[in-house]
Protein backbone atom coordinates (compact mmCIF):
# COMPACT_ATOMS: atom_id res chain seq x y z
CA UNK A 1 0.15 -0.04 0.13
CA UNK A 2 1.87 3.23 -1.61
CA UNK A 3 1.77 6.50 0.84
CA UNK A 4 0.39 8.93 -0.93
CA UNK A 5 0.58 12.83 -0.09
CA UNK A 6 -1.93 15.87 -0.52
CA UNK A 7 -1.62 19.31 -0.44
CA UNK A 8 -4.92 21.14 0.99
CA UNK A 9 -5.70 24.67 0.73
CA UNK A 10 -8.71 26.72 0.98
CA UNK A 11 -9.71 30.13 1.43
CA UNK A 12 -13.93 30.56 1.76
CA UNK A 13 -15.98 29.72 4.36
CA UNK A 14 -14.71 27.85 7.17
CA UNK A 15 -11.76 26.27 5.43
CA UNK A 16 -10.64 24.66 9.04
CA UNK A 17 -14.16 22.51 9.05
CA UNK A 18 -13.96 21.88 5.27
CA UNK A 19 -10.57 20.60 5.89
CA UNK A 20 -11.56 17.90 8.66
CA UNK A 21 -14.78 17.08 7.14
CA UNK A 22 -12.64 15.90 3.97
CA UNK A 23 -10.08 14.30 5.83
CA UNK A 24 -12.76 11.88 8.14
CA UNK A 25 -14.59 11.21 4.76
CA UNK A 26 -11.05 9.66 3.03
CA UNK A 27 -9.99 8.14 6.31
CA UNK A 28 -13.68 6.41 5.62
CA UNK A 29 -13.14 5.58 1.97
CA UNK A 30 -12.63 2.12 1.13
CA UNK A 31 -8.74 1.47 0.59
CA UNK A 32 -8.14 4.69 1.88
CA UNK A 33 -6.46 5.36 5.47
CA UNK A 34 -5.21 8.70 6.88
CA UNK A 35 -2.10 8.00 8.42
CA UNK A 36 -0.67 12.11 9.37
CA UNK A 37 -2.02 15.57 9.05
CA UNK A 38 0.19 18.75 9.27
CA UNK A 39 -0.43 21.48 11.78
CA UNK A 40 -2.63 24.46 9.38
CA UNK A 41 -0.72 27.15 8.10
CA UNK A 42 -2.00 30.06 7.38
CA UNK A 43 -0.34 31.33 3.58
CA UNK A 44 -0.27 34.95 1.45
CA UNK A 45 -2.53 33.96 -2.13
CA UNK A 46 -0.33 33.75 -4.87
CA UNK A 47 -2.21 35.92 -8.15
CA UNK A 48 -3.67 39.30 -7.89
CA UNK A 49 -7.11 37.62 -8.19
CA UNK A 50 -6.49 34.36 -5.23
CA UNK A 51 -8.21 36.68 -2.25
CA UNK A 52 -7.26 36.55 1.13
CA UNK A 53 -5.73 34.98 3.50
CA UNK A 54 -4.95 31.50 2.60
CA UNK A 55 -5.16 28.14 4.71
CA UNK A 56 -2.44 25.17 3.80
CA UNK A 57 -1.95 21.73 5.38
CA UNK A 58 -0.43 18.44 3.98
CA UNK A 59 -1.34 15.05 4.92
CA UNK A 60 -0.42 11.52 4.63
CA UNK A 61 -2.54 8.04 3.02
CA UNK A 62 -2.12 4.99 2.59
CA UNK A 63 -4.19 3.68 -0.31
CA UNK A 64 -5.10 0.73 -2.60
CA UNK A 65 -6.84 2.81 -5.00
CA UNK A 66 -4.97 3.44 -8.15
CA UNK A 67 -3.82 7.37 -8.89
CA UNK A 68 -6.87 8.09 -10.99
CA UNK A 69 -9.37 6.82 -8.90
CA UNK A 70 -8.23 8.68 -5.70
CA UNK A 71 -8.01 11.98 -8.15
CA UNK A 72 -11.69 11.24 -8.57
CA UNK A 73 -12.01 10.89 -4.94
CA UNK A 74 -10.12 14.05 -3.87
CA UNK A 75 -11.58 15.89 -6.90
CA UNK A 76 -15.52 14.55 -5.17
CA UNK A 77 -14.55 16.40 -2.07
CA UNK A 78 -13.58 19.15 -3.61
CA UNK A 79 -16.96 19.44 -5.48
CA UNK A 80 -18.89 18.09 -2.07
CA UNK A 81 -17.32 21.51 -0.27
CA UNK A 82 -18.35 23.90 -2.79
CA UNK A 83 -15.21 24.37 -5.24
CA UNK A 84 -15.64 26.16 -8.03
CA UNK A 85 -13.08 26.57 -10.72
CA UNK A 86 -14.08 29.99 -12.48
CA UNK A 87 -10.32 30.74 -13.30
CA UNK A 88 -6.74 30.14 -12.42
CA UNK A 89 -6.07 31.05 -8.94
CA UNK A 90 -9.98 31.44 -7.93
CA UNK A 91 -10.37 32.08 -4.06
CA UNK A 92 -11.47 28.32 -3.51
CA UNK A 93 -13.51 26.81 -0.71
CA UNK A 94 -11.13 23.60 -0.72
CA UNK A 95 -8.56 22.49 -2.86
CA UNK A 96 -7.08 19.27 -2.79
CA UNK A 97 -3.59 18.07 -4.44
CA UNK A 98 -2.22 14.72 -5.49
CA UNK A 99 1.61 15.69 -4.33
CA UNK A 100 3.38 12.29 -4.38
CA UNK A 101 1.93 8.48 -5.28
CA UNK A 102 4.76 6.84 -3.17
CA UNK A 103 7.75 7.11 -5.65
CA UNK A 104 5.87 6.47 -8.43
CA UNK A 105 6.09 9.19 -11.57
CA UNK A 106 2.81 9.67 -13.05
CA UNK A 107 2.14 11.83 -16.73
CA UNK A 108 -1.40 11.60 -17.77
CA UNK A 109 -3.89 13.69 -19.29
CA UNK A 110 -5.89 13.95 -15.61
CA UNK A 111 -2.64 13.67 -13.70
CA UNK A 112 0.39 14.60 -13.04
CA UNK A 113 2.36 12.97 -10.22
CA UNK A 114 4.85 14.46 -8.71
CA UNK A 115 3.14 17.46 -8.51
CA UNK A 116 4.47 19.64 -10.88
CA UNK A 117 4.48 22.98 -9.09
CA UNK A 118 4.93 21.50 -5.40
CA UNK A 119 8.42 21.57 -5.26
CA UNK A 120 8.91 25.51 -5.10
CA UNK A 121 5.61 26.33 -3.23
CA UNK A 122 6.29 27.09 0.40
CA UNK A 123 2.12 27.19 0.95
CA UNK A 124 3.24 23.07 0.03
CA UNK A 125 6.19 22.63 1.34
CA UNK A 126 6.28 24.19 4.43
CA UNK A 127 2.86 21.37 5.77
CA UNK A 128 4.62 19.23 3.50
CA UNK A 129 7.95 18.99 5.51
CA UNK A 130 6.43 18.87 8.84
CA UNK A 131 5.48 15.31 8.28
CA UNK A 132 7.55 14.25 4.84
CA UNK A 133 11.03 15.92 5.65
CA UNK A 134 12.79 12.95 4.59
CA UNK A 135 10.35 11.84 1.70
CA UNK A 136 12.55 11.58 -1.53
CA UNK A 137 10.78 13.39 -4.36
CA UNK A 138 11.47 11.13 -7.12
CA UNK A 139 11.84 13.69 -9.84
CA UNK A 140 14.36 16.33 -7.82
CA UNK A 141 16.21 13.79 -5.96
CA UNK A 142 15.87 15.53 -3.28
CA UNK A 143 14.36 15.23 0.12
CA UNK A 144 11.37 17.87 0.54
CA UNK A 145 13.50 19.22 3.61
CA UNK A 146 15.32 19.79 1.25
CA UNK A 147 13.80 21.44 -1.63
CA UNK A 148 12.30 23.73 1.08
CA UNK A 149 15.63 24.88 2.74
CA UNK A 150 16.85 25.81 -0.76
CA UNK A 151 13.85 28.36 -0.46
CA UNK A 152 14.80 29.55 3.05
CA UNK A 153 18.07 31.79 1.63
CA UNK A 154 17.85 35.60 1.85
CA UNK A 155 18.39 37.03 -0.73
CA UNK A 156 16.82 34.33 -2.84
CA UNK A 157 19.16 33.38 -5.66
CA UNK A 158 17.19 33.41 -9.18
CA UNK A 159 18.83 32.70 -12.12
CA UNK A 160 17.27 33.81 -15.64
CA UNK A 161 18.91 31.61 -18.19
CA UNK A 162 17.66 30.76 -21.95
CA UNK A 163 15.44 33.42 -24.25
CA UNK A 164 16.58 36.41 -26.13
CA UNK A 165 19.72 38.59 -24.33
CA UNK A 166 17.03 41.38 -24.34
CA UNK A 167 14.39 39.50 -22.58
CA UNK A 168 16.29 38.05 -19.46
CA UNK A 169 18.00 41.70 -19.02
CA UNK A 170 14.29 43.68 -19.11
CA UNK A 171 12.79 40.39 -17.15
CA UNK A 172 15.51 41.08 -15.22
CA UNK A 173 15.16 44.70 -13.69
CA UNK A 174 11.09 44.23 -13.83
CA UNK A 175 11.25 41.72 -11.11
CA UNK A 176 14.01 43.44 -9.28
CA UNK A 177 11.31 46.49 -8.91
CA UNK A 178 8.92 43.81 -7.34
CA UNK A 179 11.21 41.34 -5.39
CA UNK A 180 14.41 43.35 -3.46
CA UNK A 181 14.31 40.09 -1.21
CA UNK A 182 15.78 38.84 -4.29
CA UNK A 183 19.26 38.32 -6.29
CA UNK A 184 18.61 37.81 -9.43
CA UNK A 185 21.60 37.04 -11.90
CA UNK A 186 21.45 36.44 -15.62
CA UNK A 187 23.49 35.12 -18.47
CA UNK A 188 24.86 37.89 -20.27
CA UNK A 189 25.40 37.05 -23.69
CA UNK A 190 23.09 35.55 -26.59
CA UNK A 191 22.24 32.13 -26.80
CA UNK A 192 23.76 31.82 -23.58
CA UNK A 193 23.08 28.92 -21.63
CA UNK A 194 23.49 28.80 -17.35
CA UNK A 195 25.26 25.22 -17.13
CA UNK A 196 27.77 26.09 -13.97
CA UNK A 197 26.34 25.01 -10.24
CA UNK A 198 27.45 28.10 -8.38
CA UNK A 199 26.77 32.14 -9.79
CA UNK A 200 29.65 34.94 -9.99
CA UNK A 201 29.21 35.03 -5.98
CA UNK A 202 29.22 32.03 -5.08
CA UNK A 203 25.78 31.42 -4.09
CA UNK A 204 23.39 28.54 -5.44
CA UNK A 205 20.45 29.43 -6.79
CA UNK A 206 17.30 28.42 -5.03
CA UNK A 207 15.65 28.62 -8.79
CA UNK A 208 16.67 28.70 -12.60
CA UNK A 209 14.12 29.59 -14.67
CA UNK A 210 14.33 29.02 -18.26
CA UNK A 211 12.83 31.40 -21.10
CA UNK A 212 13.54 29.16 -23.28
CA UNK A 213 15.39 28.60 -26.87
CA UNK A 214 16.69 32.18 -28.01
CA UNK A 215 14.60 32.61 -31.71
CA UNK A 216 16.31 35.24 -32.72
CA UNK A 217 19.43 33.78 -32.51
CA UNK A 218 18.67 29.86 -33.92
CA UNK A 219 16.42 31.90 -37.13
CA UNK A 220 13.07 30.34 -35.48
CA UNK A 221 10.01 31.92 -36.92
CA UNK A 222 7.20 30.29 -34.30
CA UNK A 223 7.69 30.15 -30.63
CA UNK A 224 8.36 26.51 -29.83
CA UNK A 225 6.15 25.56 -26.82
CA UNK A 226 8.92 24.09 -23.77
CA UNK A 227 12.47 22.74 -24.88
CA UNK A 228 12.74 20.18 -27.85
CA UNK A 229 15.54 18.69 -29.60
CA UNK A 230 18.74 20.60 -29.02
CA UNK A 231 17.09 23.29 -26.66
CA UNK A 232 15.57 20.26 -24.85
CA UNK A 233 19.36 19.25 -24.25
CA UNK A 234 20.18 22.79 -22.96
CA UNK A 235 17.24 22.91 -20.77
CA UNK A 236 18.31 19.33 -19.36
CA UNK A 237 22.02 20.92 -18.88
CA UNK A 238 20.49 23.07 -15.53
CA UNK A 239 20.52 21.95 -12.13
CA UNK A 240 17.92 19.33 -11.62
CA UNK A 241 16.75 20.18 -8.57
CA UNK A 242 16.47 23.96 -9.07
CA UNK A 243 15.40 24.30 -12.80
CA UNK A 244 11.75 25.71 -14.36
CA UNK A 245 10.57 26.09 -17.63
CA UNK A 246 8.73 29.00 -18.15
CA UNK A 247 7.72 28.32 -21.86
CA UNK A 248 4.82 25.64 -20.31
CA UNK A 249 3.23 28.76 -18.60
CA UNK A 250 0.15 29.20 -19.52
CA UNK A 251 0.60 33.22 -20.38
CA UNK A 252 3.98 35.30 -20.62
CA UNK A 253 6.80 34.07 -19.13
CA UNK A 254 7.32 37.10 -16.83
CA UNK A 255 3.80 36.83 -15.76
CA UNK A 256 4.77 33.09 -14.31
CA UNK A 257 8.16 34.68 -12.71
CA UNK A 258 6.22 36.35 -10.52
CA UNK A 259 3.90 33.79 -9.27
CA UNK A 260 6.35 31.53 -9.50
CA UNK A 261 8.46 33.49 -6.65
CA UNK A 262 5.51 35.07 -4.88
CA UNK A 263 4.91 31.24 -3.97
CA UNK A 264 8.52 30.25 -3.53
CA UNK A 265 9.10 33.27 -1.33
CA UNK A 266 6.16 32.01 0.80
């Protein structure tokens, strides 16, 4: 029976009561046993339309259900609590995300595990580290506590790489104005890809944000979605534990970078 970890969140209604009710029903579901529950954390909302302060927690489940069946069970609990999805980062009564399903890597149209954003979100990592600090993230190959610890360093070092040099520089300037607690380092040459573990100050980046291939340098006429071909090789040279592909964000990279940094800073 694999150990599965879920994240709980919400900021509408009596969220603490929603957590309690959902966990009791999960524990009563056939094939599911709730083994650990973290403390409840107050966290700042991410995104301009996310609403007021959130409550977040994490729980460990022992589960005999297949991953997709567990996902359906979690979504049924969200619906029971009145969850609506009018837009991305909308306020919510209850959010139940499957973060880890044992050590499995799952890529399915309905489900990606490990949760692709959990490793840099403090509102997930803080409660998760309380009950699963020594658990190894099967994709990042670091423990939950180590992933969280990278984000606690101040200033948080964030490296911008990939994309056009002018874009990297302008984005860094924009982000510096919004995040004074972050030290941004930028690959300044055209077509440059960061491949060293340390920056010029000797600090290890907590995040390395990939802006995609340099389309001007390569002469591509159309924007590619995510790393591909030789560009995939370039992306994979980046440090595994800290690399994040902003071209996969559903919107402009600048918007994605702001949301990532808000979540990472906590």
